[in-house]
Amino acid sequence: MITVRIYKVNKLLVYVENLARMWKDGKLFIKLCILITLKLFIFQHIQAIMWKVVT
């Protein structure tokens, strides 16, 4: 159970690192895509949490 969580965190860290690298190298278009993706991702998570709280 704990190892799975650590694995997920590691995957997330790698993902964030890749995002940061893309951000540094990236053109404006890539930056916009990343921002939109992050906003959607965060929004979905907040919605899921809110749904659990409500029900």
N, C-alpha and C. Protein backbone atom coordinates (compact mmCIF):
# COMPACT_ATOMS: atom_id res chain seq x y z
N MET A 1 0.84 -1.20 0.00
CA MET A 1 0.00 0.00 0.00
C MET A 1 0.87 1.25 0.00
N ILE A 2 1.83 1.29 0.92
CA ILE A 2 2.71 2.45 1.03
C ILE A 2 3.60 2.55 -0.21
N THR A 3 4.08 1.39 -0.68
CA THR A 3 4.96 1.40 -1.86
C THR A 3 4.23 1.94 -3.08
N VAL A 4 2.93 1.61 -3.20
CA VAL A 4 2.15 2.12 -4.32
C VAL A 4 2.06 3.63 -4.25
N ARG A 5 1.84 4.14 -3.03
CA ARG A 5 1.73 5.58 -2.85
C ARG A 5 3.06 6.26 -3.22
N ILE A 6 4.16 5.69 -2.76
CA ILE A 6 5.49 6.24 -3.07
C ILE A 6 5.70 6.22 -4.58
N TYR A 7 5.32 5.12 -5.21
CA TYR A 7 5.47 5.00 -6.66
C TYR A 7 4.70 6.10 -7.38
N LYS A 8 3.46 6.33 -6.91
CA LYS A 8 2.64 7.38 -7.53
C LYS A 8 3.27 8.75 -7.34
N VAL A 9 3.81 9.00 -6.14
CA VAL A 9 4.46 10.29 -5.88
C VAL A 9 5.68 10.45 -6.77
N ASN A 10 6.46 9.38 -6.92
CA ASN A 10 7.63 9.43 -7.79
C ASN A 10 7.23 9.73 -9.22
N LYS A 11 6.16 9.07 -9.69
CA LYS A 11 5.68 9.32 -11.04
C LYS A 11 5.28 10.78 -11.19
N LEU A 12 4.60 11.30 -10.17
CA LEU A 12 4.16 12.68 -10.20
C LEU A 12 5.36 13.63 -10.25
N LEU A 13 6.39 13.32 -9.45
CA LEU A 13 7.59 14.16 -9.44
C LEU A 13 8.27 14.17 -10.79
N VAL A 14 8.37 12.99 -11.41
CA VAL A 14 8.97 12.90 -12.75
C VAL A 14 8.15 13.73 -13.73
N TYR A 15 6.82 13.62 -13.62
CA TYR A 15 5.93 14.36 -14.50
C TYR A 15 6.13 15.86 -14.33
N VAL A 16 6.21 16.31 -13.07
CA VAL A 16 6.40 17.74 -12.80
C VAL A 16 7.75 18.20 -13.32
N GLU A 17 8.78 17.35 -13.14
CA GLU A 17 10.11 17.68 -13.64
C GLU A 17 10.08 17.85 -15.16
N ASN A 18 9.42 16.93 -15.84
CA ASN A 18 9.30 17.03 -17.29
C ASN A 18 8.55 18.29 -17.69
N LEU A 19 7.50 18.61 -16.94
CA LEU A 19 6.75 19.84 -17.21
C LEU A 19 7.66 21.05 -17.06
N ALA A 20 8.45 21.07 -15.99
CA ALA A 20 9.34 22.20 -15.75
C ALA A 20 10.34 22.34 -16.88
N ARG A 21 10.87 21.22 -17.36
CA ARG A 21 11.82 21.25 -18.46
C ARG A 21 11.17 21.77 -19.72
N MET A 22 9.95 21.27 -19.99
CA MET A 22 9.21 21.73 -21.17
C MET A 22 8.93 23.22 -21.05
N TRP A 23 8.61 23.65 -19.82
CA TRP A 23 8.30 25.06 -19.58
C TRP A 23 9.49 25.93 -19.91
N LYS A 24 10.68 25.50 -19.47
CA LYS A 24 11.89 26.28 -19.72
C LYS A 24 12.19 26.35 -21.21
N ASP A 25 12.06 25.21 -21.90
CA ASP A 25 12.39 25.15 -23.32
C ASP A 25 11.27 25.70 -24.19
N GLY A 26 10.04 25.65 -23.60
CA GLY A 26 8.84 25.77 -24.40
C GLY A 26 8.55 27.15 -24.96
N LYS A 27 7.82 27.11 -26.03
CA LYS A 27 7.28 28.32 -26.62
C LYS A 27 5.99 28.69 -25.87
N LEU A 28 5.44 29.83 -26.19
CA LEU A 28 4.23 30.30 -25.52
C LEU A 28 3.09 29.30 -25.67
N PHE A 29 2.97 28.70 -26.86
CA PHE A 29 1.89 27.75 -27.12
C PHE A 29 1.95 26.57 -26.15
N ILE A 30 3.16 26.04 -25.95
CA ILE A 30 3.34 24.90 -25.04
C ILE A 30 2.98 25.31 -23.62
N LYS A 31 3.40 26.52 -23.23
CA LYS A 31 3.08 27.01 -21.89
C LYS A 31 1.57 27.11 -21.69
N LEU A 32 0.88 27.61 -22.70
CA LEU A 32 -0.59 27.70 -22.61
C LEU A 32 -1.22 26.32 -22.48
N CYS A 33 -0.73 25.37 -23.26
CA CYS A 33 -1.26 24.00 -23.19
C CYS A 33 -1.07 23.42 -21.79
N ILE A 34 0.12 23.64 -21.23
CA ILE A 34 0.42 23.12 -19.89
C ILE A 34 -0.51 23.76 -18.87
N LEU A 35 -0.69 25.06 -18.95
CA LEU A 35 -1.56 25.75 -18.00
C LEU A 35 -2.99 25.24 -18.07
N ILE A 36 -3.49 25.08 -19.30
CA ILE A 36 -4.86 24.60 -19.48
C ILE A 36 -5.00 23.20 -18.92
N THR A 37 -4.02 22.33 -19.21
CA THR A 37 -4.05 20.96 -18.71
C THR A 37 -4.06 20.93 -17.20
N LEU A 38 -3.19 21.74 -16.58
CA LEU A 38 -3.13 21.77 -15.12
C LEU A 38 -4.44 22.27 -14.53
N LYS A 39 -5.01 23.31 -15.14
CA LYS A 39 -6.27 23.84 -14.63
C LYS A 39 -7.37 22.79 -14.69
N LEU A 40 -7.47 22.08 -15.81
CA LEU A 40 -8.48 21.03 -15.94
C LEU A 40 -8.25 19.93 -14.92
N PHE A 41 -6.99 19.52 -14.78
CA PHE A 41 -6.62 18.45 -13.85
C PHE A 41 -7.02 18.82 -12.43
N ILE A 42 -6.64 20.03 -12.01
CA ILE A 42 -6.94 20.48 -10.65
C ILE A 42 -8.45 20.62 -10.46
N PHE A 43 -9.14 21.17 -11.46
CA PHE A 43 -10.57 21.37 -11.37
C PHE A 43 -11.30 20.04 -11.19
N GLN A 44 -10.89 19.02 -11.94
CA GLN A 44 -11.51 17.70 -11.84
C GLN A 44 -11.32 17.13 -10.45
N HIS A 45 -10.12 17.30 -9.89
CA HIS A 45 -9.84 16.77 -8.56
C HIS A 45 -10.69 17.49 -7.51
N ILE A 46 -10.80 18.80 -7.63
CA ILE A 46 -11.61 19.56 -6.68
C ILE A 46 -13.06 19.12 -6.78
N GLN A 47 -13.55 18.94 -8.00
CA GLN A 47 -14.93 18.49 -8.21
C GLN A 47 -15.15 17.14 -7.55
N ALA A 48 -14.21 16.21 -7.72
CA ALA A 48 -14.34 14.88 -7.14
C ALA A 48 -14.37 14.95 -5.62
N ILE A 49 -13.52 15.78 -5.05
CA ILE A 49 -13.47 15.95 -3.60
C ILE A 49 -14.78 16.55 -3.10
N MET A 50 -15.26 17.59 -3.79
CA MET A 50 -16.50 18.24 -3.40
C MET A 50 -17.66 17.24 -3.46
N TRP A 51 -17.65 16.40 -4.48
CA TRP A 51 -18.71 15.42 -4.65
C TRP A 51 -18.73 14.44 -3.48
N LYS A 52 -17.53 14.01 -3.05
CA LYS A 52 -17.43 13.11 -1.90
C LYS A 52 -17.93 13.78 -0.63
N VAL A 53 -17.62 15.07 -0.49
CA VAL A 53 -18.07 15.81 0.69
C VAL A 53 -19.58 15.94 0.70
N VAL A 54 -20.16 16.23 -0.45
CA VAL A 54 -21.61 16.46 -0.55
C VAL A 54 -22.39 15.18 -0.29
N THR A 55 -21.96 14.07 -0.90
CA THR A 55 -22.73 12.82 -0.79
C THR A 55 -22.36 12.05 0.46
